[in-house]
Amino acid sequence: MDTYKLKNNIYKTLAYIFLITLFLITFVPIYMLLINATRSTEQINTGFSILPGTNLLENWRIIQGFGINIPLGFRNSAIIAVSSTVLSVYFSLLTAYALVVYDFKFKRLFYGFVIAMTLVPLQLYLIGFFQYMHAIGLLNTMWPLIIPAIASPAGVFFFKQYLDAALVPELIQAARIDGASEFTIFNKIALPLARPGAFTQAIFGFVAAWNSFMPPLFIIQGNQDLHTLPLIMQRLQAGQFRNDFGAIYLGMAITLVPIIIVYAVLSKYIVNGISLGSVKE
């Protein structure tokens, strides 16, 4: 028994060391970013500091002084990220629900096509997408960055795997017997059951849309009023003040804050869903 306890303690210690190491690898760069956002360029060049500086307001004045409209970029990124995330989660879950619940001709072929589309890199279709948006007159608008989120192969694949494990066929049959419509069954039964998976996919979708750089660069390059934060950060790093590291770090820190907030808010629902699933009979 003593040997068993000793081995168990060793394994727990190694696990804690591994998790702490992963935490430090993730946390230290973020902490450095936030600290440097409060320091001047001269202070940053001297090396890293654990304590924050006093140059935060001055860095903000530098950004504003060169006409970089951070609030406008924040608004544009929020509109695109929130809208595309909602569309992606809902319609991907709806498509996955159809693949799990219904039997139809060429179902396996369609699912194979979805999986194949997840392997197509962005760079492969971006030029064709740009030409198509130009042909239908949607360049320099937000619509091409929002509407395509309805068709998200990665989201469909994720939800298909999730519903295979989470969805109870008897509940669907019982709802049909009670006279519920198919959309009512999806919205009232399938969607609540998939809530932890939906929140997980929402985090991934929001982060991807918020950090997206290449599609906005192609689609809205001619309209600075629609520039997202990644595009504004590119202007910040390539402009006259590209050597003003304090201002650049502050701009990067501002782009990071919404991601942290979204993860902090939604992660608790993921944990709650896992807890409920662990006691499911």
Protein backbone atom coordinates (compact mmCIF):
# COMPACT_ATOMS: atom_id res chain seq x y z
CA MET A 1 0.00 0.00 0.00
CA ASP A 2 2.84 2.38 0.81
CA THR A 3 4.39 1.65 -2.58
CA TYR A 4 1.08 2.36 -4.27
CA LYS A 5 0.72 5.68 -2.45
CA LEU A 6 4.29 6.61 -3.32
CA LYS A 7 3.74 5.90 -7.03
CA ASN A 8 0.45 7.78 -6.93
CA ASN A 9 2.11 10.81 -5.35
CA ILE A 10 4.90 10.72 -7.93
CA TYR A 11 2.39 10.63 -10.80
CA LYS A 12 0.39 13.49 -9.28
CA THR A 13 3.55 15.54 -8.81
CA LEU A 14 4.63 14.96 -12.41
CA ALA A 15 1.14 15.88 -13.61
CA TYR A 16 1.19 19.12 -11.61
CA ILE A 17 4.66 19.98 -12.93
CA PHE A 18 3.49 19.36 -16.49
CA LEU A 19 0.35 21.49 -16.05
CA ILE A 20 2.26 24.31 -14.36
CA THR A 21 4.79 24.27 -17.21
CA LEU A 22 1.99 24.53 -19.79
CA PHE A 23 0.43 27.37 -17.79
CA LEU A 24 3.69 29.31 -17.70
CA ILE A 25 4.30 28.77 -21.42
CA THR A 26 0.85 30.23 -22.11
CA PHE A 27 0.73 32.92 -19.43
CA VAL A 28 4.19 34.49 -19.59
CA PRO A 29 3.92 35.88 -23.17
CA ILE A 30 0.48 37.34 -22.39
CA TYR A 31 1.77 38.86 -19.16
CA MET A 32 4.76 40.35 -20.99
CA LEU A 33 2.41 41.83 -23.58
CA LEU A 34 0.22 43.48 -20.94
CA ILE A 35 3.21 44.81 -18.98
CA ASN A 36 4.93 46.23 -22.06
CA ALA A 37 1.70 48.00 -23.01
CA THR A 38 2.26 50.23 -19.97
CA ARG A 39 5.94 50.98 -20.68
CA SER A 40 7.80 53.33 -23.01
CA THR A 41 9.98 52.21 -25.90
CA GLU A 42 13.13 53.06 -23.94
CA GLN A 43 11.97 50.97 -21.00
CA ILE A 44 11.08 48.04 -23.24
CA ASN A 45 14.52 48.13 -24.87
CA THR A 46 16.18 47.79 -21.46
CA GLY A 47 14.58 44.38 -20.91
CA PHE A 48 11.56 42.73 -19.33
CA SER A 49 10.01 44.01 -16.12
CA ILE A 50 7.67 42.17 -13.79
CA LEU A 51 5.99 45.39 -12.62
CA PRO A 52 3.88 47.57 -14.95
CA GLY A 53 5.13 50.96 -16.09
CA THR A 54 3.52 54.38 -16.05
CA ASN A 55 3.40 55.08 -19.79
CA LEU A 56 -0.04 53.64 -20.54
CA LEU A 57 -1.79 56.96 -21.20
CA GLU A 58 1.14 58.26 -23.23
CA ASN A 59 1.04 55.14 -25.42
CA TRP A 60 -2.65 55.72 -25.97
CA ARG A 61 -2.01 59.36 -26.93
CA ILE A 62 0.58 58.21 -29.47
CA ILE A 63 -1.92 55.87 -31.09
CA GLN A 64 -4.58 58.57 -31.20
CA GLY A 65 -2.12 61.20 -32.42
CA PHE A 66 -1.42 59.30 -35.62
CA GLY A 67 -5.10 58.86 -36.50
CA ILE A 68 -5.36 55.18 -35.55
CA ASN A 69 -9.01 54.70 -34.61
CA ILE A 70 -8.91 51.76 -32.19
CA PRO A 71 -12.59 52.09 -31.08
CA LEU A 72 -13.77 51.95 -34.70
CA GLY A 73 -11.70 48.83 -35.38
CA PHE A 74 -12.97 47.34 -32.14
CA ARG A 75 -16.56 47.93 -33.25
CA ASN A 76 -15.98 46.45 -36.70
CA SER A 77 -14.25 43.37 -35.30
CA ALA A 78 -17.02 42.88 -32.75
CA ILE A 79 -19.76 43.05 -35.39
CA ILE A 80 -18.01 40.56 -37.66
CA ALA A 81 -16.86 38.18 -34.92
CA VAL A 82 -20.16 38.02 -33.02
CA SER A 83 -22.34 37.74 -36.14
CA SER A 84 -20.21 35.10 -37.83
CA THR A 85 -19.89 33.10 -34.61
CA VAL A 86 -23.65 33.00 -34.03
CA LEU A 87 -24.34 31.99 -37.64
CA SER A 88 -21.57 29.40 -37.66
CA VAL A 89 -22.63 27.73 -34.41
CA TYR A 90 -26.36 27.62 -35.18
CA PHE A 91 -26.23 26.46 -38.79
CA SER A 92 -23.34 24.05 -38.24
CA LEU A 93 -25.28 22.46 -35.41
CA LEU A 94 -28.41 22.36 -37.57
CA THR A 95 -26.52 20.60 -40.38
CA ALA A 96 -24.92 18.14 -37.98
CA TYR A 97 -28.32 17.43 -36.45
CA ALA A 98 -29.66 16.51 -39.88
CA LEU A 99 -26.71 14.19 -40.48
CA VAL A 100 -27.27 12.42 -37.16
CA VAL A 101 -31.09 12.21 -37.08
CA TYR A 102 -32.13 11.73 -40.71
CA ASP A 103 -31.33 9.06 -43.26
CA PHE A 104 -31.20 10.33 -46.81
CA LYS A 105 -29.59 9.41 -50.11
CA PHE A 106 -25.90 10.25 -50.47
CA LYS A 107 -25.67 11.04 -46.76
CA ARG A 108 -22.25 9.43 -46.37
CA LEU A 109 -21.02 11.08 -49.55
CA PHE A 110 -22.16 14.48 -48.26
CA TYR A 111 -20.43 13.95 -44.92
CA GLY A 112 -17.27 12.87 -46.72
CA PHE A 113 -17.43 16.09 -48.72
CA VAL A 114 -17.73 18.08 -45.47
CA ILE A 115 -14.66 16.36 -44.06
CA ALA A 116 -12.74 17.00 -47.28
CA MET A 117 -13.62 20.70 -47.14
CA THR A 118 -12.05 20.98 -43.69
CA LEU A 119 -8.72 20.12 -45.32
CA VAL A 120 -8.84 22.94 -47.88
CA PRO A 121 -6.51 25.79 -46.82
CA LEU A 122 -7.73 29.37 -46.81
CA GLN A 123 -5.13 30.50 -49.34
CA LEU A 124 -6.44 28.05 -51.92
CA TYR A 125 -9.85 29.65 -52.36
CA LEU A 126 -9.24 33.23 -51.19
CA ILE A 127 -8.48 34.68 -54.64
CA GLY A 128 -11.51 32.99 -56.18
CA PHE A 129 -13.64 34.22 -53.29
CA PHE A 130 -12.35 37.75 -53.85
CA GLN A 131 -13.21 37.60 -57.56
CA TYR A 132 -16.68 36.28 -56.78
CA MET A 133 -17.37 39.04 -54.25
CA HIS A 134 -16.15 41.59 -56.79
CA ALA A 135 -18.49 40.16 -59.43
CA ILE A 136 -21.56 40.48 -57.21
CA GLY A 137 -20.58 43.90 -55.85
CA LEU A 138 -19.92 43.00 -52.20
CA LEU A 139 -16.34 44.23 -51.90
CA ASN A 140 -15.73 46.82 -49.17
CA THR A 141 -18.66 45.54 -47.13
CA MET A 142 -18.84 43.30 -44.06
CA TRP A 143 -21.22 40.78 -45.63
CA PRO A 144 -18.56 38.55 -47.22
CA LEU A 145 -16.94 38.20 -43.80
CA ILE A 146 -20.20 37.24 -42.05
CA ILE A 147 -22.53 35.30 -44.37
CA PRO A 148 -20.04 32.52 -45.36
CA ALA A 149 -19.91 31.50 -41.69
CA ILE A 150 -23.23 29.73 -42.32
CA ALA A 151 -21.27 27.04 -44.18
CA SER A 152 -18.55 25.98 -41.75
CA PRO A 153 -17.23 22.47 -42.52
CA ALA A 154 -15.12 22.36 -39.35
CA GLY A 155 -18.15 23.30 -37.25
CA VAL A 156 -20.31 20.63 -38.90
CA PHE A 157 -17.63 18.00 -38.31
CA PHE A 158 -17.26 19.01 -34.65
CA PHE A 159 -21.00 18.98 -33.95
CA LYS A 160 -21.51 15.70 -35.80
CA GLN A 161 -19.08 13.99 -33.45
CA TYR A 162 -20.62 15.73 -30.45
CA LEU A 163 -24.24 14.86 -31.28
CA ASP A 164 -23.35 11.23 -31.95
CA ALA A 165 -22.48 10.98 -28.26
CA ALA A 166 -24.87 13.49 -26.68
CA LEU A 167 -28.14 13.12 -28.58
CA VAL A 168 -30.68 10.61 -27.25
CA PRO A 169 -32.82 9.19 -30.11
CA GLU A 170 -35.68 8.32 -27.74
CA LEU A 171 -36.16 12.01 -26.91
CA ILE A 172 -36.52 12.84 -30.61
CA GLN A 173 -39.06 10.07 -31.13
CA ALA A 174 -41.03 11.09 -28.04
CA ALA A 175 -41.19 14.72 -29.22
CA ARG A 176 -42.44 13.61 -32.64
CA ILE A 177 -45.13 11.49 -31.05
CA ASP A 178 -46.20 14.54 -29.05
CA GLY A 179 -46.64 16.43 -32.32
CA ALA A 180 -43.63 18.76 -32.14
CA SER A 181 -42.31 20.08 -35.44
CA GLU A 182 -38.77 19.29 -36.56
CA PHE A 183 -37.52 22.82 -35.93
CA THR A 184 -39.15 22.80 -32.49
CA ILE A 185 -37.40 19.55 -31.67
CA PHE A 186 -34.09 20.98 -32.78
CA ASN A 187 -34.47 24.28 -30.92
CA LYS A 188 -36.02 22.86 -27.74
CA ILE A 189 -34.23 19.52 -27.40
CA ALA A 190 -31.11 19.19 -29.56
CA LEU A 191 -29.82 22.72 -29.05
CA PRO A 192 -29.97 22.62 -25.21
CA LEU A 193 -28.36 19.17 -25.16
CA ALA A 194 -25.52 20.46 -27.33
CA ARG A 195 -25.01 23.63 -25.30
CA PRO A 196 -21.54 22.73 -23.92
CA GLY A 197 -20.35 21.84 -27.42
CA ALA A 198 -21.94 25.00 -28.81
CA PHE A 199 -20.09 27.16 -26.30
CA THR A 200 -16.85 25.35 -27.08
CA GLN A 201 -17.29 25.94 -30.81
CA ALA A 202 -18.32 29.54 -30.11
CA ILE A 203 -14.98 30.18 -28.40
CA PHE A 204 -13.06 28.74 -31.34
CA GLY A 205 -15.21 30.59 -33.87
CA PHE A 206 -14.99 33.92 -32.09
CA VAL A 207 -11.22 33.73 -31.70
CA ALA A 208 -10.78 32.78 -35.37
CA ALA A 209 -13.07 35.57 -36.58
CA TRP A 210 -11.58 38.16 -34.22
CA ASN A 211 -8.01 37.37 -35.28
CA SER A 212 -8.83 36.94 -38.98
CA PHE A 213 -6.45 38.95 -41.13
CA MET A 214 -6.29 37.73 -44.73
CA PRO A 215 -10.03 37.77 -45.65
CA PRO A 216 -10.59 41.34 -44.32
CA LEU A 217 -7.37 42.44 -46.03
CA PHE A 218 -8.72 41.25 -49.39
CA ILE A 219 -12.38 42.21 -48.95
CA ILE A 220 -12.33 45.63 -47.22
CA GLN A 221 -8.89 46.92 -48.10
CA GLY A 222 -10.32 49.98 -49.86
CA ASN A 223 -12.49 51.19 -46.98
CA GLN A 224 -10.60 52.12 -43.82
CA ASP A 225 -13.88 52.81 -42.01
CA LEU A 226 -14.51 49.05 -42.06
CA HIS A 227 -11.03 47.98 -41.00
CA THR A 228 -10.92 45.40 -38.23
CA LEU A 229 -8.43 45.44 -35.36
CA PRO A 230 -5.94 43.07 -37.09
CA LEU A 231 -5.85 45.42 -40.10
CA ILE A 232 -5.44 48.42 -37.82
CA MET A 233 -2.61 46.65 -36.02
CA GLN A 234 -0.93 46.04 -39.37
CA ARG A 235 -1.14 49.77 -40.09
CA LEU A 236 0.16 50.46 -36.59
CA GLN A 237 3.24 48.30 -37.11
CA ALA A 238 3.92 49.56 -40.62
CA GLY A 239 3.32 53.27 -40.03
CA GLN A 240 5.53 56.11 -38.94
CA PHE A 241 5.60 54.85 -35.37
CA ARG A 242 6.57 51.23 -36.15
CA ASN A 243 9.51 51.64 -33.76
CA ASP A 244 7.28 52.89 -30.92
CA PHE A 245 7.00 49.54 -29.20
CA GLY A 246 4.92 50.80 -26.29
CA ALA A 247 2.10 51.93 -28.59
CA ILE A 248 2.28 48.71 -30.59
CA TYR A 249 2.11 46.58 -27.45
CA LEU A 250 -0.87 48.59 -26.23
CA GLY A 251 -2.70 48.04 -29.50
CA MET A 252 -2.00 44.31 -29.32
CA ALA A 253 -3.18 44.20 -25.71
CA ILE A 254 -6.47 45.86 -26.67
CA THR A 255 -7.08 43.20 -29.33
CA LEU A 256 -6.46 40.48 -26.74
CA VAL A 257 -8.93 41.69 -24.08
CA PRO A 258 -12.18 40.57 -25.82
CA ILE A 259 -10.79 37.07 -26.37
CA ILE A 260 -9.98 36.75 -22.67
CA ILE A 261 -13.45 38.02 -21.72
CA VAL A 262 -15.24 35.63 -24.10
CA TYR A 263 -13.25 32.66 -22.84
CA ALA A 264 -13.80 33.63 -19.19
CA VAL A 265 -17.57 33.96 -19.72
CA LEU A 266 -18.14 30.84 -21.85
CA SER A 267 -15.68 28.44 -20.23
CA LYS A 268 -17.85 28.03 -17.13
CA TYR A 269 -20.68 26.69 -19.30
CA ILE A 270 -18.29 24.13 -20.77
CA VAL A 271 -17.28 22.99 -17.28
CA ASN A 272 -20.93 22.82 -16.20
CA GLY A 273 -21.77 20.73 -19.24
CA ILE A 274 -18.94 18.32 -18.52
CA SER A 275 -20.12 18.04 -14.90
CA LEU A 276 -23.67 17.26 -16.01
CA GLY A 277 -22.44 14.72 -18.51
CA SER A 278 -20.37 12.92 -15.89
CA VAL A 279 -23.50 12.06 -13.86
CA LYS A 280 -25.73 11.27 -16.84
CA GLU A 281 -27.37 7.87 -16.60
